[in-house]
PDB file of N, CA and C in Angstrom:
ATOM      1  N   MET A   1     -25.392 -14.389  12.604  1.00  0.00           N
ATOM      2  CA  MET A   1     -25.084 -13.039  13.031  1.00  0.00           C
ATOM      3  C   MET A   1     -23.876 -13.022  13.970  1.00  0.00           C
ATOM      4  N   LEU A   2     -23.809 -13.977  14.884  1.00  0.00           N
ATOM      5  CA  LEU A   2     -22.702 -14.053  15.834  1.00  0.00           C
ATOM      6  C   LEU A   2     -21.399 -14.386  15.115  1.00  0.00           C
ATOM      7  N   LYS A   3     -21.494 -15.230  14.081  1.00  0.00           N
ATOM      8  CA  LYS A   3     -20.298 -15.598  13.311  1.00  0.00           C
ATOM      9  C   LYS A   3     -19.709 -14.373  12.614  1.00  0.00           C
ATOM     10  N   VAL A   4     -20.558 -13.530  12.067  1.00  0.00           N
ATOM     11  CA  VAL A   4     -20.095 -12.322  11.378  1.00  0.00           C
ATOM     12  C   VAL A   4     -19.443 -11.364  12.368  1.00  0.00           C
ATOM     13  N   ALA A   5     -20.018 -11.214  13.550  1.00  0.00           N
ATOM     14  CA  ALA A   5     -19.457 -10.326  14.573  1.00  0.00           C
ATOM     15  C   ALA A   5     -18.093 -10.831  15.035  1.00  0.00           C
ATOM     16  N   LEU A   6     -17.979 -12.132  15.273  1.00  0.00           N
ATOM     17  CA  LEU A   6     -16.699 -12.698  15.690  1.00  0.00           C
ATOM     18  C   LEU A   6     -15.656 -12.591  14.584  1.00  0.00           C
ATOM     19  N   LEU A   7     -16.070 -12.803  13.352  1.00  0.00           N
ATOM     20  CA  LEU A   7     -15.153 -12.661  12.223  1.00  0.00           C
ATOM     21  C   LEU A   7     -14.653 -11.220  12.113  1.00  0.00           C
ATOM     22  N   THR A   8     -15.541 -10.266  12.302  1.00  0.00           N
ATOM     23  CA  THR A   8     -15.175  -8.852  12.242  1.00  0.00           C
ATOM     24  C   THR A   8     -14.201  -8.498  13.359  1.00  0.00           C
ATOM     25  N   VAL A   9     -14.479  -8.939  14.560  1.00  0.00           N
ATOM     26  CA  VAL A   9     -13.585  -8.674  15.691  1.00  0.00           C
ATOM     27  C   VAL A   9     -12.226  -9.320  15.440  1.00  0.00           C
ATOM     28  N   GLY A  10     -12.207 -10.516  14.897  1.00  0.00           N
ATOM     29  CA  GLY A  10     -10.944 -11.196  14.584  1.00  0.00           C
ATOM     30  C   GLY A  10     -10.131 -10.439  13.545  1.00  0.00           C
ATOM     31  N   ILE A  11     -10.780  -9.962  12.499  1.00  0.00           N
ATOM     32  CA  ILE A  11     -10.082  -9.212  11.448  1.00  0.00           C
ATOM     33  C   ILE A  11      -9.519  -7.907  12.003  1.00  0.00           C
ATOM     34  N   VAL A  12     -10.295  -7.220  12.831  1.00  0.00           N
ATOM     35  CA  VAL A  12      -9.815  -5.970  13.436  1.00  0.00           C
ATOM     36  C   VAL A  12      -8.625  -6.248  14.359  1.00  0.00           C
ATOM     37  N   ALA A  13      -8.688  -7.313  15.140  1.00  0.00           N
ATOM     38  CA  ALA A  13      -7.589  -7.656  16.052  1.00  0.00           C
ATOM     39  C   ALA A  13      -6.319  -7.981  15.273  1.00  0.00           C
ATOM     40  N   ILE A  14      -6.439  -8.737  14.198  1.00  0.00           N
ATOM     41  CA  ILE A  14      -5.278  -9.059  13.369  1.00  0.00           C
ATOM     42  C   ILE A  14      -4.709  -7.804  12.734  1.00  0.00           C
ATOM     43  N   SER A  15      -5.569  -6.909  12.277  1.00  0.00           N
ATOM     44  CA  SER A  15      -5.112  -5.661  11.659  1.00  0.00           C
ATOM     45  C   SER A  15      -4.341  -4.805  12.654  1.00  0.00           C
ATOM     46  N   ILE A  16      -4.847  -4.671  13.858  1.00  0.00           N
ATOM     47  CA  ILE A  16      -4.164  -3.883  14.885  1.00  0.00           C
ATOM     48  C   ILE A  16      -2.826  -4.520  15.239  1.00  0.00           C
ATOM     49  N   ALA A  17      -2.794  -5.846  15.338  1.00  0.00           N
ATOM     50  CA  ALA A  17      -1.538  -6.533  15.652  1.00  0.00           C
ATOM     51  C   ALA A  17      -0.507  -6.308  14.548  1.00  0.00           C
ATOM     52  N   LEU A  18      -0.923  -6.355  13.293  1.00  0.00           N
ATOM     53  CA  LEU A  18       0.009  -6.137  12.192  1.00  0.00           C
ATOM     54  C   LEU A  18       0.495  -4.689  12.141  1.00  0.00           C
ATOM     55  N   LEU A  19      -0.359  -3.734  12.498  1.00  0.00           N
ATOM     56  CA  LEU A  19       0.065  -2.337  12.537  1.00  0.00           C
ATOM     57  C   LEU A  19       1.066  -2.086  13.670  1.00  0.00           C
ATOM     58  N   CYS A  20       0.992  -2.868  14.722  1.00  0.00           N
ATOM     59  CA  CYS A  20       1.853  -2.659  15.890  1.00  0.00           C
ATOM     60  C   CYS A  20       3.096  -3.544  15.902  1.00  0.00           C
ATOM     61  N   VAL A  21       3.379  -4.249  14.808  1.00  0.00           N
ATOM     62  CA  VAL A  21       4.543  -5.146  14.781  1.00  0.00           C
ATOM     63  C   VAL A  21       5.815  -4.365  15.090  1.00  0.00           C
ATOM     64  N   LYS A  22       5.992  -3.214  14.493  1.00  0.00           N
ATOM     65  CA  LYS A  22       7.193  -2.418  14.717  1.00  0.00           C
ATOM     66  C   LYS A  22       7.283  -1.970  16.169  1.00  0.00           C
ATOM     67  N   LEU A  23       6.146  -1.617  16.762  1.00  0.00           N
ATOM     68  CA  LEU A  23       6.145  -1.187  18.157  1.00  0.00           C
ATOM     69  C   LEU A  23       6.484  -2.330  19.099  1.00  0.00           C
ATOM     70  N   ILE A  24       6.034  -3.510  18.755  1.00  0.00           N
ATOM     71  CA  ILE A  24       6.232  -4.662  19.629  1.00  0.00           C
ATOM     72  C   ILE A  24       7.637  -5.235  19.488  1.00  0.00           C
ATOM     73  N   VAL A  25       8.145  -5.349  18.255  1.00  0.00           N
ATOM     74  CA  VAL A  25       9.408  -6.030  17.993  1.00  0.00           C
ATOM     75  C   VAL A  25      10.616  -5.178  18.370  1.00  0.00           C
ATOM     76  N   LEU A  26      10.640  -3.914  17.982  1.00  0.00           N
ATOM     77  CA  LEU A  26      11.786  -3.066  18.260  1.00  0.00           C
ATOM     78  C   LEU A  26      11.720  -2.495  19.675  1.00  0.00           C
ATOM     79  N   PRO A  27      12.872  -2.358  20.330  1.00  0.00           N
ATOM     80  CA  PRO A  27      12.853  -1.835  21.700  1.00  0.00           C
ATOM     81  C   PRO A  27      12.408  -0.371  21.759  1.00  0.00           C
ATOM     82  N   ASN A  28      12.803   0.445  20.815  1.00  0.00           N
ATOM     83  CA  ASN A  28      12.388   1.853  20.792  1.00  0.00           C
ATOM     84  C   ASN A  28      11.502   2.121  19.591  1.00  0.00           C
ATOM     85  N   GLY A  29      10.698   1.172  19.211  1.00  0.00           N
ATOM     86  CA  GLY A  29       9.846   1.319  18.045  1.00  0.00           C
ATOM     87  C   GLY A  29       8.783   2.383  18.252  1.00  0.00           C
ATOM     88  N   LYS A  30       8.544   3.178  17.213  1.00  0.00           N
ATOM     89  CA  LYS A  30       7.491   4.185  17.268  1.00  0.00           C
ATOM     90  C   LYS A  30       7.026   4.463  15.852  1.00  0.00           C
ATOM     91  N   PHE A  31       5.834   5.027  15.737  1.00  0.00           N
ATOM     92  CA  PHE A  31       5.305   5.362  14.432  1.00  0.00           C
ATOM     93  C   PHE A  31       6.022   6.598  13.898  1.00  0.00           C
ATOM     94  N   ALA A  32       6.218   6.647  12.604  1.00  0.00           N
ATOM     95  CA  ALA A  32       6.842   7.807  11.980  1.00  0.00           C
ATOM     96  C   ALA A  32       5.891   8.993  12.049  1.00  0.00           C
ATOM     97  N   SER A  33       6.459  10.177  12.165  1.00  0.00           N
ATOM     98  CA  SER A  33       5.648  11.392  12.216  1.00  0.00           C
ATOM     99  C   SER A  33       5.057  11.660  10.840  1.00  0.00           C
ATOM    100  N   SER A  34       3.787  11.993  10.808  1.00  0.00           N
ATOM    101  CA  SER A  34       3.132  12.285   9.534  1.00  0.00           C
ATOM    102  C   SER A  34       2.986  13.788   9.316  1.00  0.00           C
ATOM    103  N   HIS A  35       3.551  14.588  10.216  1.00  0.00           N
ATOM    104  CA  HIS A  35       3.473  16.033  10.087  1.00  0.00           C
ATOM    105  C   HIS A  35       4.566  16.545   9.162  1.00  0.00           C
ATOM    106  N   ILE A  36       4.325  17.665   8.546  1.00  0.00           N
ATOM    107  CA  ILE A  36       5.309  18.259   7.645  1.00  0.00           C
ATOM    108  C   ILE A  36       6.572  18.613   8.411  1.00  0.00           C
ATOM    109  N   SER A  37       6.433  19.082   9.634  1.00  0.00           N
ATOM    110  CA  SER A  37       7.603  19.484  10.414  1.00  0.00           C
ATOM    111  C   SER A  37       8.484  18.289  10.779  1.00  0.00           C
ATOM    112  N   GLY A  38       7.969  17.077  10.675  1.00  0.00           N
ATOM    113  CA  GLY A  38       8.753  15.888  10.971  1.00  0.00           C
ATOM    114  C   GLY A  38       9.545  15.373   9.782  1.00  0.00           C
ATOM    115  N   ASN A  39       9.419  16.017   8.628  1.00  0.00           N
ATOM    116  CA  ASN A  39      10.090  15.580   7.412  1.00  0.00           C
ATOM    117  C   ASN A  39      11.363  16.400   7.208  1.00  0.00           C
ATOM    118  N   LYS A  40      12.519  15.736   7.098  1.00  0.00           N
ATOM    119  CA  LYS A  40      13.804  16.427   6.972  1.00  0.00           C
ATOM    120  C   LYS A  40      13.881  17.264   5.703  1.00  0.00           C
ATOM    121  N   GLU A  41      13.416  16.723   4.600  1.00  0.00           N
ATOM    122  CA  GLU A  41      13.490  17.448   3.326  1.00  0.00           C
ATOM    123  C   GLU A  41      12.638  18.706   3.335  1.00  0.00           C
ATOM    124  N   MET A  42      11.470  18.650   3.951  1.00  0.00           N
ATOM    125  CA  MET A  42      10.607  19.831   4.031  1.00  0.00           C
ATOM    126  C   MET A  42      11.268  20.910   4.882  1.00  0.00           C
ATOM    127  N   ARG A  43      11.873  20.500   6.008  1.00  0.00           N
ATOM    128  CA  ARG A  43      12.571  21.473   6.854  1.00  0.00           C
ATOM    129  C   ARG A  43      13.746  22.088   6.114  1.00  0.00           C
ATOM    130  N   LYS A  44      14.466  21.275   5.345  1.00  0.00           N
ATOM    131  CA  LYS A  44      15.614  21.770   4.593  1.00  0.00           C
ATOM    132  C   LYS A  44      15.182  22.825   3.574  1.00  0.00           C
ATOM    133  N   ARG A  45      14.011  22.659   2.999  1.00  0.00           N
ATOM    134  CA  ARG A  45      13.497  23.599   1.999  1.00  0.00           C
ATOM    135  C   ARG A  45      12.761  24.779   2.627  1.00  0.00           C
ATOM    136  N   GLY A  46      12.611  24.777   3.948  1.00  0.00           N
ATOM    137  CA  GLY A  46      11.962  25.880   4.641  1.00  0.00           C
ATOM    138  C   GLY A  46      10.447  25.828   4.586  1.00  0.00           C
ATOM    139  N   ILE A  47       9.887  24.648   4.344  1.00  0.00           N
ATOM    140  CA  ILE A  47       8.440  24.492   4.273  1.00  0.00           C
ATOM    141  C   ILE A  47       7.940  24.025   5.636  1.00  0.00           C
ATOM    142  N   HIS A  48       6.950  24.736   6.165  1.00  0.00           N
ATOM    143  CA  HIS A  48       6.369  24.412   7.470  1.00  0.00           C
ATOM    144  C   HIS A  48       4.888  24.145   7.285  1.00  0.00           C
ATOM    145  N   CYS A  49       4.239  23.748   8.367  1.00  0.00           N
ATOM    146  CA  CYS A  49       2.798  23.519   8.290  1.00  0.00           C
ATOM    147  C   CYS A  49       2.081  24.868   8.165  1.00  0.00           C
ATOM    148  N   VAL A  50       0.851  24.830   7.749  1.00  0.00           N
ATOM    149  CA  VAL A  50       0.075  26.045   7.495  1.00  0.00           C
ATOM    150  C   VAL A  50      -0.044  26.889   8.755  1.00  0.00           C
ATOM    151  N   GLN A  51      -0.255  26.258   9.878  1.00  0.00           N
ATOM    152  CA  GLN A  51      -0.420  27.014  11.125  1.00  0.00           C
ATOM    153  C   GLN A  51       0.866  27.744  11.492  1.00  0.00           C
ATOM    154  N   SER A  52       2.004  27.093  11.327  1.00  0.00           N
ATOM    155  CA  SER A  52       3.280  27.745  11.630  1.00  0.00           C
ATOM    156  C   SER A  52       3.548  28.880  10.665  1.00  0.00           C
ATOM    157  N   MET A  53       3.280  28.661   9.388  1.00  0.00           N
ATOM    158  CA  MET A  53       3.499  29.706   8.386  1.00  0.00           C
ATOM    159  C   MET A  53       2.609  30.908   8.675  1.00  0.00           C
ATOM    160  N   ASP A  54       1.348  30.677   9.039  1.00  0.00           N
ATOM    161  CA  ASP A  54       0.428  31.764   9.351  1.00  0.00           C
ATOM    162  C   ASP A  54       0.914  32.546  10.564  1.00  0.00           C
ATOM    163  N   ARG A  55       1.384  31.834  11.586  1.00  0.00           N
ATOM    164  CA  ARG A  55       1.888  32.488  12.794  1.00  0.00           C
ATOM    165  C   ARG A  55       3.113  33.352  12.470  1.00  0.00           C
ATOM    166  N   MET A  56       4.002  32.854  11.611  1.00  0.00           N
ATOM    167  CA  MET A  56       5.187  33.624  11.226  1.00  0.00           C
ATOM    168  C   MET A  56       4.807  34.857  10.415  1.00  0.00           C
ATOM    169  N   MET A  57       3.822  34.735   9.540  1.00  0.00           N
ATOM    170  CA  MET A  57       3.427  35.865   8.708  1.00  0.00           C
ATOM    171  C   MET A  57       2.705  36.941   9.518  1.00  0.00           C
ATOM    172  N   ARG A  58       2.021  36.565  10.585  1.00  0.00           N
ATOM    173  CA  ARG A  58       1.280  37.528  11.395  1.00  0.00           C
ATOM    174  C   ARG A  58       2.158  38.225  12.429  1.00  0.00           C
ATOM    175  N   ARG A  59       3.362  37.714  12.634  1.00  0.00           N
ATOM    176  CA  ARG A  59       4.261  38.298  13.611  1.00  0.00           C
ATOM    177  C   ARG A  59       4.637  39.725  13.198  1.00  0.00           C
ATOM    178  N   GLU A  60       4.731  40.594  14.150  1.00  0.00           N
ATOM    179  CA  GLU A  60       5.085  41.996  13.894  1.00  0.00           C
ATOM    180  C   GLU A  60       6.545  42.076  13.465  1.00  0.00           C
ATOM    181  N   ASN A  61       6.820  42.819  12.410  1.00  0.00           N
ATOM    182  CA  ASN A  61       8.173  42.978  11.895  1.00  0.00           C
ATOM    183  C   ASN A  61       8.867  44.102  12.666  1.00  0.00           C
ATOM    184  N   PRO A  62       9.938  43.793  13.426  1.00  0.00           N
ATOM    185  CA  PRO A  62      10.614  44.836  14.194  1.00  0.00           C
ATOM    186  C   PRO A  62      11.436  45.790  13.312  1.00  0.00           C
ATOM    187  N   LEU A  63      11.691  45.421  12.061  1.00  0.00           N
ATOM    188  CA  LEU A  63      12.510  46.244  11.173  1.00  0.00           C
ATOM    189  C   LEU A  63      11.690  47.100  10.220  1.00  0.00           C
ATOM    190  N   LYS A  64      10.392  47.111  10.381  1.00  0.00           N
ATOM    191  CA  LYS A  64       9.574  47.858   9.444  1.00  0.00           C
ATOM    192  C   LYS A  64       9.767  49.367   9.625  1.00  0.00           C
ATOM    193  N   VAL A  65       9.536  50.115   8.570  1.00  0.00           N
ATOM    194  CA  VAL A  65       9.669  51.573   8.598  1.00  0.00           C
ATOM    195  C   VAL A  65       8.384  52.160   9.154  1.00  0.00           C
ATOM    196  N   LYS A  66       8.527  53.033  10.121  1.00  0.00           N
ATOM    197  CA  LYS A  66       7.361  53.671  10.709  1.00  0.00           C
ATOM    198  C   LYS A  66       6.933  54.827   9.801  1.00  0.00           C
ATOM    199  N   GLU A  67       5.695  54.817   9.382  1.00  0.00           N
ATOM    200  CA  GLU A  67       5.190  55.821   8.464  1.00  0.00           C
ATOM    201  C   GLU A  67       4.231  56.774   9.186  1.00  0.00           C
ATOM    202  N   ARG A  68       4.263  58.009   8.767  1.00  0.00           N
ATOM    203  CA  ARG A  68       3.314  58.972   9.325  1.00  0.00           C
ATOM    204  C   ARG A  68       2.216  59.167   8.310  1.00  0.00           C
ATOM    205  N   ILE A  69       1.004  59.205   8.790  1.00  0.00           N
ATOM    206  CA  ILE A  69      -0.123  59.415   7.873  1.00  0.00           C
ATOM    207  C   ILE A  69      -0.818  60.702   8.234  1.00  0.00           C
TER     208      ILE A  69
END
């Protein structure tokens, strides 16, 4: 049982070290953004995350025509 626990801890430690190679080796190393807003091509096409799109759609339009009912 102890051997399995130590093996598991060792595998997890190696995995974390391999994931952090870029952070450790490069002076300004950082993980790439996984958000849509962090992607240049998505921004170029005008695609935003759902929350941003919802906020933009709910914003009051200052140019709308005022109607009388």
